[in-house]
Protein backbone atom coordinates (compact mmCIF):
# COMPACT_ATOMS: atom_id res chain seq x y z
CA MET A 1 -0.02 0.03 -0.10
CA GLU A 2 2.87 2.41 0.66
CA SER A 3 4.12 1.90 -2.92
CA LEU A 4 0.82 3.06 -4.13
CA LEU A 5 0.73 5.89 -1.86
CA GLY A 6 4.10 6.95 -3.05
CA ILE A 7 3.10 6.59 -6.68
CA PHE A 8 -0.30 8.83 -6.08
CA SER A 9 2.12 11.41 -4.17
CA ALA A 10 4.52 11.40 -7.04
CA PHE A 11 1.53 11.93 -9.54
CA GLY A 12 0.19 14.95 -7.64
CA LEU A 13 3.38 16.63 -7.38
CA SER A 14 4.39 16.25 -10.92
CA ALA A 15 0.84 17.52 -11.64
CA SER A 16 1.42 20.64 -9.32
CA ALA A 17 4.91 21.21 -11.15
CA GLY A 18 2.99 21.89 -14.43
CA LEU A 19 1.33 25.02 -12.92
CA ASN A 20 4.40 26.31 -11.20
CA ALA A 21 7.69 24.68 -11.20
CA TYR A 22 9.12 25.67 -8.21
CA ILE A 23 6.04 25.14 -5.43
CA PRO A 24 6.27 21.46 -5.43
CA LEU A 25 10.08 21.28 -5.37
CA LEU A 26 9.73 23.78 -2.54
CA VAL A 27 7.04 21.74 -0.67
CA ILE A 28 9.24 18.55 -1.16
CA ALA A 29 12.36 20.41 0.38
CA LEU A 30 10.82 21.86 3.14
CA MET A 31 8.80 18.72 4.13
CA ALA A 32 11.87 16.44 3.85
CA ARG A 33 13.93 18.98 6.01
CA PHE A 34 11.40 19.44 8.71
CA THR A 35 8.89 16.31 8.78
CA ASP A 36 9.24 12.68 8.51
CA LEU A 37 6.67 12.44 5.79
CA ILE A 38 8.93 12.36 2.97
CA THR A 39 12.59 10.94 2.91
CA LEU A 40 14.41 11.82 -0.03
CA ASN A 41 16.95 8.86 -1.54
CA SER A 42 20.22 9.92 -2.64
CA PRO A 43 20.77 12.05 -5.15
CA TRP A 44 17.27 13.72 -4.44
CA ASP A 45 18.25 14.28 -0.83
CA ALA A 46 20.10 17.35 -2.02
CA LEU A 47 16.80 18.98 -2.31
CA ALA A 48 16.78 19.54 1.34
CA SER A 49 19.99 21.50 1.57
CA TRP A 50 19.34 25.06 2.69
CA TRP A 51 21.20 26.27 -0.32
CA ILE A 52 18.62 24.67 -2.63
CA ILE A 53 15.59 25.96 -0.08
CA GLY A 54 16.80 29.49 -0.42
CA LEU A 55 17.34 29.15 -4.08
CA LEU A 56 13.72 27.57 -4.55
CA VAL A 57 12.08 30.33 -2.59
CA ILE A 58 13.80 33.23 -4.85
CA LEU A 59 12.66 31.26 -7.84
CA SER A 60 8.95 30.76 -6.53
CA LEU A 61 8.98 34.55 -5.77
CA VAL A 62 10.12 35.41 -9.39
CA GLU A 63 7.50 33.05 -11.00
CA PHE A 64 5.01 34.11 -8.62
CA LEU A 65 5.75 38.00 -9.89
CA VAL A 66 6.21 37.16 -13.36
CA ASP A 67 2.98 35.19 -13.70
CA LYS A 68 0.84 37.87 -12.80
CA PHE A 69 1.23 40.17 -15.88
CA PRO A 70 0.00 38.85 -19.22
CA VAL A 71 2.75 39.60 -21.80
CA ILE A 72 5.66 38.80 -19.50
CA ASN A 73 3.63 35.53 -18.41
CA HIS A 74 3.14 34.42 -22.15
CA ILE A 75 6.73 34.94 -22.92
CA ASN A 76 7.75 33.21 -19.74
CA ASP A 77 5.41 30.29 -20.09
CA VAL A 78 6.24 29.59 -23.87
CA ILE A 79 10.14 30.17 -23.86
CA ILE A 80 11.25 29.67 -20.19
CA GLN A 81 8.76 27.22 -18.66
CA SER A 82 8.23 24.82 -21.32
CA PHE A 83 11.65 23.37 -20.29
CA ILE A 84 11.48 24.05 -16.51
CA ARG A 85 8.23 22.69 -15.59
CA PRO A 86 8.54 19.38 -17.30
CA THR A 87 11.85 18.93 -15.67
CA ALA A 88 10.87 20.09 -12.45
CA GLY A 89 7.70 17.41 -12.61
CA ALA A 90 10.17 14.80 -13.65
CA ILE A 91 12.33 15.77 -10.41
CA ALA A 92 9.37 16.03 -8.22
CA PHE A 93 8.12 12.53 -9.53
CA ALA A 94 11.40 10.71 -9.23
CA ALA A 95 12.29 12.26 -5.70
CA SER A 96 8.99 11.74 -4.23
CA THR A 97 8.09 8.05 -4.91
CA ASN A 98 9.90 6.92 -1.79
CA VAL A 99 9.69 3.67 -3.85
CA VAL A 100 12.31 4.79 -6.51
CA THR A 101 14.50 1.70 -6.07
CA ASN A 102 11.33 -0.34 -7.46
CA ILE A 103 10.44 1.96 -10.13
CA ASN A 104 13.23 2.16 -12.96
CA PRO A 105 14.39 5.89 -12.55
CA ILE A 106 14.23 6.73 -16.20
CA LEU A 107 10.53 5.52 -16.30
CA ALA A 108 9.98 7.80 -13.04
CA LEU A 109 11.42 10.65 -14.70
CA ALA A 110 9.63 10.06 -17.73
CA LEU A 111 6.10 9.84 -16.04
CA GLY A 112 7.15 13.11 -14.21
CA LEU A 113 8.29 14.78 -17.56
CA LEU A 114 4.65 13.68 -19.22
CA ILE A 115 2.53 14.80 -16.42
CA SER A 116 3.89 18.08 -15.55
CA GLY A 117 4.56 18.66 -19.39
CA GLY A 118 0.84 17.98 -20.07
CA VAL A 119 -0.59 20.23 -17.42
CA HIS A 120 2.13 22.96 -18.65
CA ALA A 121 0.70 22.63 -22.11
CA VAL A 122 -2.80 22.85 -21.49
CA LYS A 123 -2.07 26.03 -19.22
CA SER A 124 0.10 28.00 -21.55
CA ALA A 125 -1.34 27.20 -25.00
CA ALA A 126 -5.07 26.95 -23.98
CA ILE A 127 -5.97 28.12 -20.75
CA ARG A 128 -3.90 31.40 -20.15
CA PRO A 129 -4.07 32.65 -23.84
CA ALA A 130 -7.98 32.16 -23.75
CA VAL A 131 -8.29 33.92 -20.44
CA THR A 132 -6.26 36.90 -21.48
CA ALA A 133 -8.00 37.06 -24.84
CA ALA A 134 -11.62 36.86 -23.38
CA THR A 135 -10.67 39.48 -20.53
CA GLY A 136 -8.09 41.66 -22.13
CA GLY A 137 -5.60 40.54 -19.48
CA THR A 138 -7.76 41.41 -16.73
CA ALA A 139 -8.39 38.26 -15.20
CA ASN A 140 -4.81 36.87 -15.37
CA LEU A 141 -3.78 37.99 -11.88
CA PRO A 142 -6.95 36.11 -9.94
CA VAL A 143 -6.26 33.07 -12.39
CA SER A 144 -2.65 33.31 -11.40
CA ILE A 145 -3.17 33.40 -7.75
CA ALA A 146 -5.74 30.46 -8.14
CA GLU A 147 -2.96 28.33 -10.24
CA ASP A 148 -0.42 29.11 -7.43
CA VAL A 149 -3.13 28.18 -4.34
CA THR A 150 -3.87 25.05 -6.51
CA SER A 151 -0.20 24.00 -7.18
CA THR A 152 0.60 24.38 -3.15
CA THR A 153 -2.41 22.80 -1.93
CA LEU A 154 -2.03 19.86 -4.29
CA SER A 155 1.59 19.64 -3.47
CA ILE A 156 0.99 19.69 0.30
CA LEU A 157 -2.24 16.96 -0.31
CA SER A 158 0.24 15.20 -2.46
CA ILE A 159 2.75 14.38 0.55
CA VAL A 160 0.25 14.61 3.57
CA VAL A 161 -2.81 12.80 2.12
CA PRO A 162 -1.37 11.07 -1.11
CA ILE A 163 -4.87 9.18 -1.71
CA ALA A 164 -6.50 12.58 -1.56
CA VAL A 165 -4.76 12.93 -4.95
CA MET A 166 -6.41 9.81 -6.36
CA ILE A 167 -9.74 10.92 -5.04
CA VAL A 168 -9.64 14.39 -6.78
CA ALA A 169 -8.19 12.82 -9.78
CA ALA A 170 -11.17 10.45 -9.95
CA LEU A 171 -13.56 13.07 -9.43
CA PHE A 172 -12.01 15.51 -11.92
CA PHE A 173 -12.34 12.75 -14.77
CA THR A 174 -15.67 11.82 -13.65
CA TRP A 175 -16.74 15.35 -14.11
CA VAL A 176 -14.86 15.64 -17.51
CA ILE A 177 -16.40 12.36 -18.98
CA TRP A 178 -20.21 13.38 -17.77
CA HIS A 179 -19.65 16.81 -18.79
CA PHE A 180 -18.25 16.33 -22.23
CA TYR A 181 -19.57 12.58 -22.95
CA LEU A 182 -22.44 11.73 -21.08
CA ARG A 183 -24.87 14.54 -20.71
CA SER A 184 -27.42 15.70 -23.12
CA PRO A 185 -26.96 18.91 -25.15
CA GLN A 186 -30.10 20.46 -23.54
CA ASP A 187 -28.06 20.22 -19.82
């Protein structure tokens, strides 16, 4: 059962990296440093060093600020974060599984890359441009804050209550299937 919970945790953390690259890594680092909820195996234990924690705090603040302005956010999402978020998701997945010895590290990295890359692609190629176009950029601030809150909450839940990630994912996919495939056109 612990292996399964480690996988749920890894999926949640890598998905949250698709919204904000540094929040899940910072949550992993702080939880590993100050709690027994997550134990990082080598080489991932370097995330809990003070230097990395400090760097993640600075990078989180930079991304938090950059993400609030439509033009800067779009440039950041397309040019910079298209590489960083999938990489952060791969690191988060591999570092957080706690069963990395039972999972091929290449598979763990690939899964994290695909999950966070997929979330990032939907965010940066579909949702954010649509929000900016529909509102003239006025909704970017609340949407960006909602993304940061979602990334933080999902990261914490992924470590503290990993089964919650599975429940939320199941509810979300049930809603998507019902909304797009099962409901009648009159609804």
